[in-house]
Amino acid sequence: MTTCSATGWFLSGANPPFCSNFKINNVYPFTVLFTQNGTTVTGQVFLGTNQFNQVAATIAQDGHVTLATSLSASSGPIINTVWNINQTTAGQLSGPAHQQWIASNPFGTGDVDTTIRDSTKTASAGRSPTIVANDFEGLLRGMRGQ
């Protein structure tokens, strides 16, 4: 976790306050499950136990791939996330990622920036069980892998 900021509900209405859940320099669990066919990468991102929508992207000339996906809780915020992943060393992913949490009623945003580092690619990775979050607190528990 490198930065966190909040506006509106995420700043003054969320309990606990949004950024208190995302401590700078903390490490949170994530899993990416991808397949590659030529220059197209397809797969899913999991932040803790939160499963994001299926995503597909084209690998750029310089080898990086930008993946944008989202997740909606049934009665909570939407989370949009963008991952800029590169593999400069065989089997290791790195790069920045950004999450934007959006609440509509009452309105607010929470923005979190992270850096992917020290990740290792495996041929077949298991993943955390998926838990469907119904609200803000459920999404936060999922982010922590609970």
N, C-alpha and C. Protein backbone atom coordinates (compact mmCIF):
# COMPACT_ATOMS: atom_id res chain seq x y z
N MET A 1 0.85 -1.16 0.00
CA MET A 1 0.00 0.00 0.00
C MET A 1 0.90 1.23 0.00
N THR A 2 0.69 2.12 -0.95
CA THR A 2 1.54 3.31 -1.01
C THR A 2 0.81 4.60 -0.68
N THR A 3 -0.46 4.74 -1.09
CA THR A 3 -1.24 5.93 -0.74
C THR A 3 -2.70 5.57 -0.53
N CYS A 4 -3.39 6.40 0.24
CA CYS A 4 -4.83 6.25 0.43
C CYS A 4 -5.42 7.64 0.62
N SER A 5 -6.55 7.90 -0.05
CA SER A 5 -7.27 9.16 0.14
C SER A 5 -8.76 8.88 0.08
N ALA A 6 -9.55 9.78 0.67
CA ALA A 6 -10.99 9.57 0.71
C ALA A 6 -11.71 10.90 0.62
N THR A 7 -12.94 10.86 0.06
CA THR A 7 -13.82 12.02 0.02
C THR A 7 -15.21 11.58 0.44
N GLY A 8 -16.05 12.55 0.79
CA GLY A 8 -17.46 12.29 1.07
C GLY A 8 -17.66 11.22 2.12
N TRP A 9 -18.53 10.27 1.84
CA TRP A 9 -18.89 9.22 2.79
C TRP A 9 -17.67 8.44 3.28
N PHE A 10 -16.73 8.16 2.39
CA PHE A 10 -15.54 7.39 2.79
C PHE A 10 -14.68 8.16 3.78
N LEU A 11 -14.76 9.49 3.76
CA LEU A 11 -13.98 10.33 4.66
C LEU A 11 -14.69 10.53 5.99
N SER A 12 -16.00 10.77 5.96
CA SER A 12 -16.68 11.14 7.20
C SER A 12 -17.79 10.19 7.64
N GLY A 13 -18.23 9.27 6.79
CA GLY A 13 -19.35 8.41 7.17
C GLY A 13 -18.99 6.95 7.36
N ALA A 14 -17.93 6.50 6.70
CA ALA A 14 -17.57 5.08 6.80
C ALA A 14 -17.11 4.76 8.21
N ASN A 15 -17.53 3.61 8.70
CA ASN A 15 -17.12 3.16 10.03
C ASN A 15 -16.61 1.73 9.91
N PRO A 16 -15.32 1.51 10.05
CA PRO A 16 -14.27 2.46 10.39
C PRO A 16 -13.92 3.34 9.19
N PRO A 17 -13.26 4.49 9.45
CA PRO A 17 -12.87 5.37 8.34
C PRO A 17 -12.06 4.60 7.28
N PHE A 18 -12.31 4.93 6.03
CA PHE A 18 -11.76 4.17 4.90
C PHE A 18 -10.26 3.95 4.99
N CYS A 19 -9.48 5.02 5.09
CA CYS A 19 -8.02 4.87 5.04
C CYS A 19 -7.44 4.17 6.27
N SER A 20 -8.20 4.08 7.35
CA SER A 20 -7.69 3.33 8.50
C SER A 20 -7.61 1.83 8.18
N ASN A 21 -8.28 1.41 7.13
CA ASN A 21 -8.25 0.01 6.70
C ASN A 21 -7.09 -0.30 5.75
N PHE A 22 -6.44 0.74 5.24
CA PHE A 22 -5.38 0.55 4.26
C PHE A 22 -4.12 1.28 4.74
N LYS A 23 -3.42 0.66 5.65
CA LYS A 23 -2.22 1.25 6.22
C LYS A 23 -1.10 1.27 5.19
N ILE A 24 -0.42 2.41 5.09
CA ILE A 24 0.70 2.55 4.17
C ILE A 24 1.78 1.54 4.55
N ASN A 25 2.37 0.90 3.55
CA ASN A 25 3.41 -0.12 3.66
C ASN A 25 2.90 -1.48 4.13
N ASN A 26 1.59 -1.63 4.37
CA ASN A 26 1.06 -2.97 4.66
C ASN A 26 0.99 -3.77 3.37
N VAL A 27 1.01 -5.07 3.52
CA VAL A 27 0.89 -5.98 2.39
C VAL A 27 -0.45 -6.70 2.52
N TYR A 28 -1.21 -6.73 1.44
CA TYR A 28 -2.51 -7.38 1.43
C TYR A 28 -2.49 -8.49 0.39
N PRO A 29 -3.24 -9.58 0.64
CA PRO A 29 -3.19 -10.72 -0.27
C PRO A 29 -3.88 -10.43 -1.61
N PHE A 30 -3.28 -10.90 -2.69
CA PHE A 30 -3.91 -10.82 -4.00
C PHE A 30 -3.51 -12.05 -4.81
N THR A 31 -4.38 -12.41 -5.72
CA THR A 31 -4.12 -13.51 -6.64
C THR A 31 -4.56 -13.06 -8.02
N VAL A 32 -3.78 -13.38 -9.02
CA VAL A 32 -4.19 -13.15 -10.40
C VAL A 32 -4.12 -14.50 -11.11
N LEU A 33 -5.18 -14.83 -11.79
CA LEU A 33 -5.24 -16.09 -12.55
C LEU A 33 -5.41 -15.72 -14.02
N PHE A 34 -4.36 -15.93 -14.80
CA PHE A 34 -4.37 -15.52 -16.20
C PHE A 34 -4.01 -16.66 -17.12
N THR A 35 -4.54 -16.57 -18.31
CA THR A 35 -4.09 -17.41 -19.42
C THR A 35 -3.65 -16.46 -20.53
N GLN A 36 -2.74 -16.94 -21.36
CA GLN A 36 -2.24 -16.12 -22.46
C GLN A 36 -2.39 -16.87 -23.76
N ASN A 37 -2.92 -16.18 -24.76
CA ASN A 37 -3.03 -16.72 -26.11
C ASN A 37 -2.47 -15.65 -27.04
N GLY A 38 -1.26 -15.86 -27.52
CA GLY A 38 -0.59 -14.86 -28.34
C GLY A 38 -0.30 -13.63 -27.50
N THR A 39 -0.83 -12.49 -27.92
CA THR A 39 -0.59 -11.25 -27.16
C THR A 39 -1.78 -10.87 -26.28
N THR A 40 -2.74 -11.78 -26.12
CA THR A 40 -3.92 -11.50 -25.29
C THR A 40 -3.83 -12.25 -23.96
N VAL A 41 -4.06 -11.50 -22.88
CA VAL A 41 -4.10 -12.07 -21.54
C VAL A 41 -5.55 -12.00 -21.07
N THR A 42 -6.06 -13.11 -20.55
CA THR A 42 -7.42 -13.19 -20.03
C THR A 42 -7.38 -13.78 -18.64
N GLY A 43 -8.22 -13.28 -17.74
CA GLY A 43 -8.25 -13.88 -16.42
C GLY A 43 -9.02 -13.08 -15.41
N GLN A 44 -8.70 -13.35 -14.12
CA GLN A 44 -9.38 -12.69 -13.03
C GLN A 44 -8.40 -12.26 -11.96
N VAL A 45 -8.81 -11.22 -11.25
CA VAL A 45 -8.05 -10.68 -10.13
C VAL A 45 -8.84 -10.95 -8.86
N PHE A 46 -8.15 -11.35 -7.81
CA PHE A 46 -8.75 -11.52 -6.50
C PHE A 46 -7.95 -10.67 -5.52
N LEU A 47 -8.64 -9.79 -4.80
CA LEU A 47 -8.01 -9.05 -3.72
C LEU A 47 -8.53 -9.68 -2.44
N GLY A 48 -7.66 -10.43 -1.76
CA GLY A 48 -8.13 -11.24 -0.65
C GLY A 48 -9.11 -12.26 -1.20
N THR A 49 -10.32 -12.28 -0.65
CA THR A 49 -11.35 -13.20 -1.14
C THR A 49 -12.33 -12.51 -2.09
N ASN A 50 -12.10 -11.24 -2.40
CA ASN A 50 -12.97 -10.50 -3.32
C ASN A 50 -12.61 -10.83 -4.76
N GLN A 51 -13.55 -11.40 -5.50
CA GLN A 51 -13.35 -11.78 -6.89
C GLN A 51 -13.86 -10.70 -7.82
N PHE A 52 -12.99 -10.18 -8.67
CA PHE A 52 -13.36 -9.14 -9.62
C PHE A 52 -13.83 -9.77 -10.92
N ASN A 53 -14.48 -8.96 -11.75
CA ASN A 53 -15.00 -9.44 -13.03
C ASN A 53 -13.88 -9.93 -13.94
N GLN A 54 -14.23 -10.84 -14.84
CA GLN A 54 -13.30 -11.34 -15.85
C GLN A 54 -12.73 -10.17 -16.64
N VAL A 55 -11.46 -10.27 -17.03
CA VAL A 55 -10.81 -9.18 -17.75
C VAL A 55 -9.94 -9.75 -18.87
N ALA A 56 -9.81 -9.00 -19.95
CA ALA A 56 -8.92 -9.37 -21.06
C ALA A 56 -8.19 -8.11 -21.51
N ALA A 57 -6.93 -8.27 -21.90
CA ALA A 57 -6.14 -7.14 -22.37
C ALA A 57 -5.05 -7.64 -23.31
N THR A 58 -4.52 -6.71 -24.09
CA THR A 58 -3.45 -7.02 -25.03
C THR A 58 -2.11 -6.62 -24.43
N ILE A 59 -1.13 -7.46 -24.59
CA ILE A 59 0.22 -7.17 -24.11
C ILE A 59 0.84 -6.10 -25.03
N ALA A 60 1.36 -5.04 -24.42
CA ALA A 60 1.96 -3.94 -25.17
C ALA A 60 3.32 -4.35 -25.74
N GLN A 61 3.82 -3.55 -26.67
CA GLN A 61 5.13 -3.81 -27.30
C GLN A 61 6.24 -3.94 -26.27
N ASP A 62 6.18 -3.14 -25.19
CA ASP A 62 7.24 -3.18 -24.18
C ASP A 62 7.04 -4.31 -23.16
N GLY A 63 5.98 -5.12 -23.32
CA GLY A 63 5.79 -6.28 -22.47
C GLY A 63 4.83 -6.08 -21.31
N HIS A 64 4.38 -4.87 -21.05
CA HIS A 64 3.44 -4.68 -19.93
C HIS A 64 2.00 -4.89 -20.41
N VAL A 65 1.14 -5.13 -19.45
CA VAL A 65 -0.28 -5.27 -19.75
C VAL A 65 -1.07 -4.43 -18.74
N THR A 66 -2.06 -3.72 -19.22
CA THR A 66 -2.93 -2.91 -18.36
C THR A 66 -4.29 -3.60 -18.29
N LEU A 67 -4.69 -3.94 -17.07
CA LEU A 67 -5.94 -4.64 -16.84
C LEU A 67 -6.86 -3.77 -16.00
N ALA A 68 -8.07 -3.53 -16.49
CA ALA A 68 -9.06 -2.75 -15.74
C ALA A 68 -10.26 -3.64 -15.48
N THR A 69 -10.66 -3.75 -14.21
CA THR A 69 -11.79 -4.59 -13.85
C THR A 69 -12.52 -3.98 -12.66
N SER A 70 -13.67 -4.55 -12.32
CA SER A 70 -14.48 -3.97 -11.25
C SER A 70 -15.19 -5.05 -10.45
N LEU A 71 -15.73 -4.60 -9.32
CA LEU A 71 -16.48 -5.47 -8.41
C LEU A 71 -17.55 -4.61 -7.75
N SER A 72 -18.76 -5.15 -7.63
CA SER A 72 -19.85 -4.43 -6.97
C SER A 72 -20.42 -5.29 -5.86
N ALA A 73 -20.54 -4.71 -4.68
CA ALA A 73 -21.24 -5.38 -3.59
C ALA A 73 -22.73 -5.12 -3.78
N SER A 74 -23.57 -6.05 -3.37
CA SER A 74 -25.01 -5.89 -3.61
C SER A 74 -25.58 -4.65 -2.94
N SER A 75 -25.08 -4.26 -1.77
CA SER A 75 -25.59 -3.04 -1.13
C SER A 75 -24.43 -2.17 -0.64
N GLY A 76 -23.37 -2.17 -1.41
CA GLY A 76 -22.21 -1.39 -1.00
C GLY A 76 -21.57 -0.72 -2.19
N PRO A 77 -20.32 -0.34 -2.03
CA PRO A 77 -19.65 0.42 -3.09
C PRO A 77 -19.24 -0.45 -4.28
N ILE A 78 -18.91 0.24 -5.35
CA ILE A 78 -18.28 -0.37 -6.52
C ILE A 78 -16.78 -0.17 -6.35
N ILE A 79 -15.99 -1.17 -6.70
CA ILE A 79 -14.53 -1.02 -6.70
C ILE A 79 -14.05 -1.17 -8.13
N ASN A 80 -13.44 -0.11 -8.66
CA ASN A 80 -12.79 -0.17 -9.97
C ASN A 80 -11.30 -0.27 -9.71
N THR A 81 -10.64 -1.13 -10.44
CA THR A 81 -9.20 -1.29 -10.24
C THR A 81 -8.48 -1.38 -11.58
N VAL A 82 -7.29 -0.80 -11.64
CA VAL A 82 -6.45 -0.84 -12.83
C VAL A 82 -5.08 -1.37 -12.40
N TRP A 83 -4.64 -2.40 -13.06
CA TRP A 83 -3.33 -3.02 -12.80
C TRP A 83 -2.44 -2.79 -14.01
N ASN A 84 -1.23 -2.29 -13.81
CA ASN A 84 -0.23 -2.15 -14.87
C ASN A 84 0.89 -3.13 -14.54
N ILE A 85 0.77 -4.31 -15.11
CA ILE A 85 1.66 -5.42 -14.75
C ILE A 85 2.75 -5.58 -15.79
N ASN A 86 3.94 -5.85 -15.29
CA ASN A 86 5.08 -6.12 -16.15
C ASN A 86 5.81 -7.34 -15.60
N GLN A 87 6.56 -7.98 -16.45
CA GLN A 87 7.38 -9.12 -16.03
C GLN A 87 8.78 -8.90 -16.59
N THR A 88 9.60 -8.17 -15.82
CA THR A 88 10.96 -7.88 -16.28
C THR A 88 11.91 -9.02 -15.94
N THR A 89 11.54 -9.83 -14.95
CA THR A 89 12.29 -11.03 -14.58
C THR A 89 11.36 -12.22 -14.75
N ALA A 90 11.82 -13.27 -15.38
CA ALA A 90 10.98 -14.44 -15.62
C ALA A 90 10.32 -14.92 -14.33
N GLY A 91 8.99 -15.06 -14.40
CA GLY A 91 8.23 -15.59 -13.27
C GLY A 91 7.87 -14.59 -12.18
N GLN A 92 8.27 -13.31 -12.32
CA GLN A 92 7.97 -12.31 -11.30
C GLN A 92 7.19 -11.15 -11.90
N LEU A 93 6.03 -10.86 -11.31
CA LEU A 93 5.21 -9.75 -11.75
C LEU A 93 5.49 -8.52 -10.89
N SER A 94 5.42 -7.36 -11.52
CA SER A 94 5.62 -6.12 -10.77
C SER A 94 4.82 -5.01 -11.45
N GLY A 95 4.66 -3.90 -10.73
CA GLY A 95 4.01 -2.73 -11.30
C GLY A 95 3.00 -2.11 -10.37
N PRO A 96 2.51 -0.93 -10.74
CA PRO A 96 1.54 -0.22 -9.91
C PRO A 96 0.11 -0.72 -10.15
N ALA A 97 -0.72 -0.53 -9.13
CA ALA A 97 -2.15 -0.83 -9.24
C ALA A 97 -2.91 0.27 -8.50
N HIS A 98 -4.11 0.56 -8.98
CA HIS A 98 -4.94 1.60 -8.37
C HIS A 98 -6.34 1.06 -8.16
N GLN A 99 -6.91 1.32 -6.99
CA GLN A 99 -8.30 0.98 -6.70
C GLN A 99 -9.06 2.27 -6.44
N GLN A 100 -10.27 2.35 -6.98
CA GLN A 100 -11.16 3.45 -6.60
C GLN A 100 -12.47 2.83 -6.15
N TRP A 101 -12.81 3.09 -4.89
CA TRP A 101 -14.06 2.66 -4.30
C TRP A 101 -15.05 3.81 -4.47
N ILE A 102 -16.25 3.52 -4.95
CA ILE A 102 -17.24 4.56 -5.20
C ILE A 102 -18.54 4.20 -4.50
N ALA A 103 -18.99 5.07 -3.63
CA ALA A 103 -20.30 4.92 -2.99
C ALA A 103 -21.24 5.93 -3.63
N SER A 104 -22.50 5.52 -3.86
CA SER A 104 -23.42 6.42 -4.55
C SER A 104 -24.41 7.12 -3.62
N ASN A 105 -24.77 6.50 -2.51
CA ASN A 105 -25.78 7.11 -1.65
C ASN A 105 -25.51 6.78 -0.19
N PRO A 106 -24.85 7.64 0.55
CA PRO A 106 -24.33 8.94 0.16
C PRO A 106 -23.05 8.80 -0.66
N PHE A 107 -22.76 9.82 -1.45
CA PHE A 107 -21.64 9.77 -2.38
C PHE A 107 -20.30 9.91 -1.67
N GLY A 108 -19.30 9.26 -2.23
CA GLY A 108 -17.92 9.41 -1.78
C GLY A 108 -17.01 8.51 -2.60
N THR A 109 -15.73 8.78 -2.53
CA THR A 109 -14.74 7.93 -3.18
C THR A 109 -13.60 7.64 -2.22
N GLY A 110 -13.04 6.48 -2.38
CA GLY A 110 -11.83 6.10 -1.67
C GLY A 110 -10.83 5.60 -2.69
N ASP A 111 -9.63 6.17 -2.69
CA ASP A 111 -8.61 5.79 -3.67
C ASP A 111 -7.42 5.18 -2.96
N VAL A 112 -6.96 4.05 -3.48
CA VAL A 112 -5.83 3.34 -2.90
C VAL A 112 -4.84 3.01 -4.01
N ASP A 113 -3.57 3.33 -3.80
CA ASP A 113 -2.51 2.95 -4.74
C ASP A 113 -1.61 1.92 -4.09
N THR A 114 -1.20 0.98 -4.89
CA THR A 114 -0.32 -0.09 -4.41
C THR A 114 0.79 -0.33 -5.43
N THR A 115 1.81 -1.03 -5.00
CA THR A 115 2.87 -1.47 -5.88
C THR A 115 2.99 -2.98 -5.75
N ILE A 116 2.90 -3.66 -6.87
CA ILE A 116 3.07 -5.11 -6.88
C ILE A 116 4.57 -5.38 -6.88
N ARG A 117 5.01 -6.16 -5.92
CA ARG A 117 6.43 -6.52 -5.86
C ARG A 117 6.55 -7.86 -5.17
N ASP A 118 7.64 -8.50 -5.38
CA ASP A 118 7.91 -9.80 -4.73
C ASP A 118 6.83 -10.84 -5.02
N SER A 119 6.18 -10.74 -6.16
CA SER A 119 5.19 -11.76 -6.51
C SER A 119 5.87 -12.81 -7.36
N THR A 120 5.41 -14.03 -7.25
CA THR A 120 6.01 -15.12 -7.99
C THR A 120 4.95 -15.83 -8.81
N LYS A 121 5.25 -16.04 -10.07
CA LYS A 121 4.36 -16.76 -10.97
C LYS A 121 4.54 -18.25 -10.74
N THR A 122 3.42 -18.95 -10.70
CA THR A 122 3.46 -20.41 -10.64
C THR A 122 2.63 -20.94 -11.80
N ALA A 123 2.92 -22.18 -12.21
CA ALA A 123 2.21 -22.75 -13.34
C ALA A 123 0.73 -22.94 -13.02
N SER A 124 0.43 -23.35 -11.81
CA SER A 124 -0.98 -23.48 -11.41
C SER A 124 -1.09 -22.98 -9.98
N ALA A 125 -1.88 -21.97 -9.81
CA ALA A 125 -2.02 -21.37 -8.49
C ALA A 125 -3.39 -21.66 -7.94
N GLY A 126 -3.44 -22.03 -6.69
CA GLY A 126 -4.72 -22.11 -6.01
C GLY A 126 -5.13 -20.70 -5.65
N ARG A 127 -6.34 -20.52 -5.24
CA ARG A 127 -6.78 -19.20 -4.83
C ARG A 127 -7.60 -19.33 -3.56
N SER A 128 -7.73 -18.21 -2.90
CA SER A 128 -8.55 -18.17 -1.70
C SER A 128 -9.99 -18.45 -2.07
N PRO A 129 -10.75 -19.05 -1.17
CA PRO A 129 -12.17 -19.22 -1.47
C PRO A 129 -12.82 -17.86 -1.68
N THR A 130 -13.72 -17.79 -2.63
CA THR A 130 -14.41 -16.54 -2.92
C THR A 130 -15.59 -16.38 -1.97
N ILE A 131 -15.70 -15.21 -1.40
CA ILE A 131 -16.82 -14.88 -0.54
C ILE A 131 -17.52 -13.68 -1.18
N VAL A 132 -18.81 -13.79 -1.38
CA VAL A 132 -19.56 -12.68 -1.98
C VAL A 132 -19.84 -11.66 -0.89
N ALA A 133 -19.30 -10.47 -1.07
CA ALA A 133 -19.50 -9.40 -0.10
C ALA A 133 -20.79 -8.67 -0.41
N ASN A 134 -21.57 -8.40 0.63
CA ASN A 134 -22.84 -7.71 0.45
C ASN A 134 -22.79 -6.24 0.82
N ASP A 135 -21.71 -5.81 1.48
CA ASP A 135 -21.66 -4.44 1.97
C ASP A 135 -20.21 -3.99 2.15
N PHE A 136 -20.03 -2.75 2.60
CA PHE A 136 -18.71 -2.16 2.79
C PHE A 136 -17.84 -3.00 3.72
N GLU A 137 -18.40 -3.38 4.87
CA GLU A 137 -17.62 -4.15 5.84
C GLU A 137 -17.20 -5.51 5.28
N GLY A 138 -18.09 -6.13 4.50
CA GLY A 138 -17.76 -7.41 3.87
C GLY A 138 -16.64 -7.27 2.86
N LEU A 139 -16.66 -6.18 2.08
CA LEU A 139 -15.57 -5.95 1.14
C LEU A 139 -14.25 -5.74 1.87
N LEU A 140 -14.27 -5.02 2.98
CA LEU A 140 -13.04 -4.80 3.75
C LEU A 140 -12.51 -6.12 4.32
N ARG A 141 -13.40 -6.95 4.86
CA ARG A 141 -12.95 -8.27 5.37
C ARG A 141 -12.34 -9.07 4.24
N GLY A 142 -12.97 -9.03 3.07
CA GLY A 142 -12.45 -9.75 1.91
C GLY A 142 -11.07 -9.26 1.49
N MET A 143 -10.85 -7.95 1.55
CA MET A 143 -9.55 -7.40 1.18
C MET A 143 -8.44 -7.93 2.09
N ARG A 144 -8.80 -8.20 3.33
CA ARG A 144 -7.81 -8.74 4.29
C ARG A 144 -7.73 -10.26 4.21
N GLY A 145 -8.53 -10.87 3.33
CA GLY A 145 -8.51 -12.32 3.19
C GLY A 145 -9.27 -13.04 4.28
N GLN A 146 -10.22 -12.35 4.91
CA GLN A 146 -10.99 -12.95 6.01
C GLN A 146 -12.35 -13.43 5.54
